[in-house]
Amino acid sequence: MPGRREDGQLIEELGVIETTESDQILRWDGDVVYIEQDIYHNGQLVHRKYRRRVTDDVAHALLKQLGHVH
């Protein structure tokens, strides 16, 4: 399944442009809500299926939509 690539950002201390690719599917491991991302430096894959947590605000909004928080 093709992922969605996000615009690159320069990481000056590493001297690379970092881009990410994700299927944008929210996942929950029983503790945290996250999305999986592939991380690229200058177009080269450096980390596959990196778990990036969603922010607390996003997690609370999701719980509210699901009816778990009032």
C-alpha atoms as a PDB file:
ATOM      1  CA  MET A   1       0.000   0.000   0.000  1.00  0.00           C
ATOM      2  CA  PRO A   2       1.606   3.308  -1.007  1.00  0.00           C
ATOM      3  CA  GLY A   3       2.235   5.748   1.787  1.00  0.00           C
ATOM      4  CA  ARG A   4       1.848   9.457   1.974  1.00  0.00           C
ATOM      5  CA  ARG A   5       5.140  11.333   1.834  1.00  0.00           C
ATOM      6  CA  GLU A   6       5.474  14.535   3.808  1.00  0.00           C
ATOM      7  CA  ASP A   7       7.606  17.495   2.785  1.00  0.00           C
ATOM      8  CA  GLY A   8      11.211  17.298   3.829  1.00  0.00           C
ATOM      9  CA  GLN A   9      12.780  19.379   6.536  1.00  0.00           C
ATOM     10  CA  LEU A  10      16.423  20.248   6.929  1.00  0.00           C
ATOM     11  CA  ILE A  11      18.105  18.840  10.037  1.00  0.00           C
ATOM     12  CA  GLU A  12      21.116  21.133  10.195  1.00  0.00           C
ATOM     13  CA  GLU A  13      23.046  19.244  12.883  1.00  0.00           C
ATOM     14  CA  LEU A  14      22.985  16.088  10.722  1.00  0.00           C
ATOM     15  CA  GLY A  15      23.278  17.863   7.385  1.00  0.00           C
ATOM     16  CA  VAL A  16      20.334  15.945   5.909  1.00  0.00           C
ATOM     17  CA  ILE A  17      16.856  16.567   4.631  1.00  0.00           C
ATOM     18  CA  GLU A  18      14.424  14.315   6.477  1.00  0.00           C
ATOM     19  CA  THR A  19      11.204  13.142   4.874  1.00  0.00           C
ATOM     20  CA  THR A  20       8.627  10.741   6.225  1.00  0.00           C
ATOM     21  CA  GLU A  21       6.180   8.360   4.597  1.00  0.00           C
ATOM     22  CA  SER A  22       3.113   6.976   6.349  1.00  0.00           C
ATOM     23  CA  ASP A  23      -0.165   5.247   5.587  1.00  0.00           C
ATOM     24  CA  GLN A  24      -1.740   7.684   8.104  1.00  0.00           C
ATOM     25  CA  ILE A  25      -3.498   4.861   9.983  1.00  0.00           C
ATOM     26  CA  LEU A  26      -3.906   5.436  13.709  1.00  0.00           C
ATOM     27  CA  ARG A  27      -2.871   2.456  15.792  1.00  0.00           C
ATOM     28  CA  TRP A  28      -3.207   1.700  19.496  1.00  0.00           C
ATOM     29  CA  ASP A  29      -0.971  -0.718  21.366  1.00  0.00           C
ATOM     30  CA  GLY A  30      -3.064  -0.721  24.546  1.00  0.00           C
ATOM     31  CA  ASP A  31      -1.075   2.185  25.958  1.00  0.00           C
ATOM     32  CA  VAL A  32      -0.472   4.833  23.293  1.00  0.00           C
ATOM     33  CA  VAL A  33      -2.000   5.951  19.998  1.00  0.00           C
ATOM     34  CA  TYR A  34       0.546   6.253  17.201  1.00  0.00           C
ATOM     35  CA  ILE A  35       1.120   6.198  13.463  1.00  0.00           C
ATOM     36  CA  GLU A  36       3.881   4.246  11.766  1.00  0.00           C
ATOM     37  CA  GLN A  37       6.306   6.195   9.609  1.00  0.00           C
ATOM     38  CA  ASP A  38       9.246   5.358   7.401  1.00  0.00           C
ATOM     39  CA  ILE A  39      11.986   7.950   7.938  1.00  0.00           C
ATOM     40  CA  TYR A  40      14.297   8.971   5.078  1.00  0.00           C
ATOM     41  CA  HIS A  41      17.497  11.057   5.174  1.00  0.00           C
ATOM     42  CA  ASN A  42      18.356  12.526   1.768  1.00  0.00           C
ATOM     43  CA  GLY A  43      16.066   9.932   0.188  1.00  0.00           C
ATOM     44  CA  GLN A  44      17.655   6.933   1.924  1.00  0.00           C
ATOM     45  CA  LEU A  45      15.536   4.854   4.318  1.00  0.00           C
ATOM     46  CA  VAL A  46      16.982   5.061   7.838  1.00  0.00           C
ATOM     47  CA  HIS A  47      14.087   3.813   9.995  1.00  0.00           C
ATOM     48  CA  ARG A  48      11.177   1.576   8.974  1.00  0.00           C
ATOM     49  CA  LYS A  49       7.850   1.640  10.813  1.00  0.00           C
ATOM     50  CA  TYR A  50       8.967   4.235  13.367  1.00  0.00           C
ATOM     51  CA  ARG A  51       6.192   4.735  15.892  1.00  0.00           C
ATOM     52  CA  ARG A  52       5.327   8.399  16.216  1.00  0.00           C
ATOM     53  CA  ARG A  53       2.919   9.120  19.043  1.00  0.00           C
ATOM     54  CA  VAL A  54      -0.020  11.391  18.419  1.00  0.00           C
ATOM     55  CA  THR A  55      -0.207  14.429  20.671  1.00  0.00           C
ATOM     56  CA  ASP A  56      -2.186  14.316  23.895  1.00  0.00           C
ATOM     57  CA  ASP A  57      -4.721  16.736  22.395  1.00  0.00           C
ATOM     58  CA  VAL A  58      -5.354  14.417  19.443  1.00  0.00           C
ATOM     59  CA  ALA A  59      -5.652  11.367  21.716  1.00  0.00           C
ATOM     60  CA  HIS A  60      -8.164  13.166  23.974  1.00  0.00           C
ATOM     61  CA  ALA A  61     -10.203  14.322  20.955  1.00  0.00           C
ATOM     62  CA  LEU A  62     -10.334  10.733  19.679  1.00  0.00           C
ATOM     63  CA  LEU A  63     -11.465   9.419  23.043  1.00  0.00           C
ATOM     64  CA  LYS A  64     -14.146  12.092  23.232  1.00  0.00           C
ATOM     65  CA  GLN A  65     -15.404  11.135  19.753  1.00  0.00           C
ATOM     66  CA  LEU A  66     -15.540   7.505  20.824  1.00  0.00           C
ATOM     67  CA  GLY A  67     -17.591   8.464  23.879  1.00  0.00           C
ATOM     68  CA  HIS A  68     -15.006   7.555  26.532  1.00  0.00           C
ATOM     69  CA  VAL A  69     -14.416  11.074  27.888  1.00  0.00           C
ATOM     70  CA  HIS A  70     -17.044  13.659  28.667  1.00  0.00           C
END
